[in-house]
Amino acid sequence: MQIVNNKTNGQFETIINGHKAELQYRIRENTIFYMHTGVPKELERQGVATALAKFGLDYARMKGYQIVVYCPFVVKYVKSHKEYLDLLNDKFQKPERFN
């Protein structure tokens, strides 16, 4: 699956069989805020949301960003992939949310 960074729309996205899935984000200073993951029913249970979350978190690490997560799916992903906990921006969110 190919995921691209659509900077104009502020989202990481992929199109599969004509259906678009996305992870919406906003960037402020050195922090990326993950807002919402959207996956159409036709793409559910195929690992698309997981791939978007991983791509977004790896992007943050590569760019040296801290993260703030509003999207429940990405919260769940970080909880099960503790290697991303060091990216959390404690100024905007409580780390215990990810325990």
Protein backbone atom coordinates (compact mmCIF):
# COMPACT_ATOMS: atom_id res chain seq x y z
CA MET A 1 0.00 0.00 0.00
CA GLN A 2 1.33 3.42 -0.92
CA ILE A 3 0.77 6.19 1.62
CA VAL A 4 1.43 9.80 0.68
CA ASN A 5 1.63 13.00 2.68
CA ASN A 6 -0.99 15.37 1.30
CA LYS A 7 0.36 18.56 2.89
CA THR A 8 -2.30 20.70 1.23
CA ASN A 9 -5.09 18.84 3.06
CA GLY A 10 -3.02 18.01 6.16
CA GLN A 11 -3.36 14.27 5.94
CA PHE A 12 -1.54 11.06 5.21
CA GLU A 13 -3.62 9.15 2.69
CA THR A 14 -3.86 6.06 0.58
CA ILE A 15 -6.22 5.10 -2.21
CA ILE A 16 -7.07 1.43 -2.63
CA ASN A 17 -9.53 0.22 -5.27
CA GLY A 18 -10.82 3.77 -5.65
CA HIS A 19 -11.43 4.26 -1.90
CA LYS A 20 -9.43 6.83 0.06
CA ALA A 21 -8.39 6.42 3.69
CA GLU A 22 -6.65 9.14 5.65
CA LEU A 23 -5.02 10.18 8.91
CA GLN A 24 -5.67 13.89 9.40
CA TYR A 25 -3.08 16.00 11.17
CA ARG A 26 -2.12 19.54 12.06
CA ILE A 27 1.43 20.79 12.67
CA ARG A 28 2.28 23.61 15.07
CA GLU A 29 5.93 24.45 15.71
CA ASN A 30 7.63 21.15 16.55
CA THR A 31 4.45 19.17 17.31
CA ILE A 32 2.17 17.13 15.05
CA PHE A 33 -1.42 16.68 16.24
CA TYR A 34 -3.19 13.53 15.02
CA MET A 35 -6.85 14.43 14.67
CA HIS A 36 -8.79 11.63 12.96
CA THR A 37 -8.33 8.40 11.05
CA GLY A 38 -10.92 7.73 8.38
CA VAL A 39 -11.23 4.38 6.64
CA PRO A 40 -14.22 3.59 4.41
CA LYS A 41 -16.15 0.38 5.07
CA GLU A 42 -14.76 -1.16 1.89
CA LEU A 43 -11.25 -1.01 3.38
CA GLU A 44 -12.01 -1.99 6.98
CA ARG A 45 -10.16 -4.91 8.57
CA GLN A 46 -7.36 -4.81 6.00
CA GLY A 47 -4.75 -3.08 8.17
CA VAL A 48 -5.20 0.29 6.49
CA ALA A 49 -5.70 2.31 9.69
CA THR A 50 -2.73 0.53 11.26
CA ALA A 51 -0.54 1.36 8.28
CA LEU A 52 -1.62 5.02 8.41
CA ALA A 53 -0.89 5.25 12.15
CA LYS A 54 2.55 3.68 11.76
CA PHE A 55 3.36 5.91 8.79
CA GLY A 56 2.30 9.03 10.70
CA LEU A 57 4.28 8.13 13.81
CA ASP A 58 7.37 7.21 11.80
CA TYR A 59 7.02 10.53 9.97
CA ALA A 60 6.97 12.37 13.31
CA ARG A 61 10.12 10.58 14.43
CA MET A 62 11.89 11.26 11.13
CA LYS A 63 11.03 14.98 11.29
CA GLY A 64 11.88 15.29 14.99
CA TYR A 65 8.31 16.21 15.94
CA GLN A 66 6.61 15.58 19.24
CA ILE A 67 3.08 14.21 19.01
CA VAL A 68 -0.34 14.96 20.46
CA VAL A 69 -3.00 12.35 19.75
CA TYR A 70 -6.71 13.12 19.64
CA CYS A 71 -7.64 10.23 17.34
CA PRO A 72 -8.82 7.21 19.40
CA PHE A 73 -7.37 4.75 16.89
CA VAL A 74 -3.89 6.28 17.09
CA VAL A 75 -4.15 6.35 20.92
CA LYS A 76 -4.86 2.59 20.82
CA TYR A 77 -1.97 2.06 18.40
CA VAL A 78 0.51 3.94 20.60
CA LYS A 79 -0.69 2.01 23.67
CA SER A 80 0.25 -1.24 21.95
CA HIS A 81 3.46 0.13 20.40
CA LYS A 82 5.27 1.67 23.35
CA GLU A 83 8.29 2.56 21.22
CA TYR A 84 6.41 5.74 20.26
CA LEU A 85 5.81 6.95 23.83
CA ASP A 86 8.97 9.05 23.75
CA LEU A 87 7.34 11.24 21.07
CA LEU A 88 4.50 12.40 23.35
CA ASN A 89 4.32 16.13 24.01
CA ASP A 90 3.63 16.26 27.76
CA LYS A 91 2.72 19.94 27.55
CA PHE A 92 -0.51 19.14 25.67
CA GLN A 93 -1.51 15.69 26.92
CA LYS A 94 -1.13 13.37 29.86
CA PRO A 95 1.20 10.42 29.24
CA GLU A 96 -0.91 8.23 31.58
CA ARG A 97 -3.59 8.24 28.86
CA PHE A 98 -1.33 5.76 27.07
CA ASN A 99 -0.93 3.24 29.90
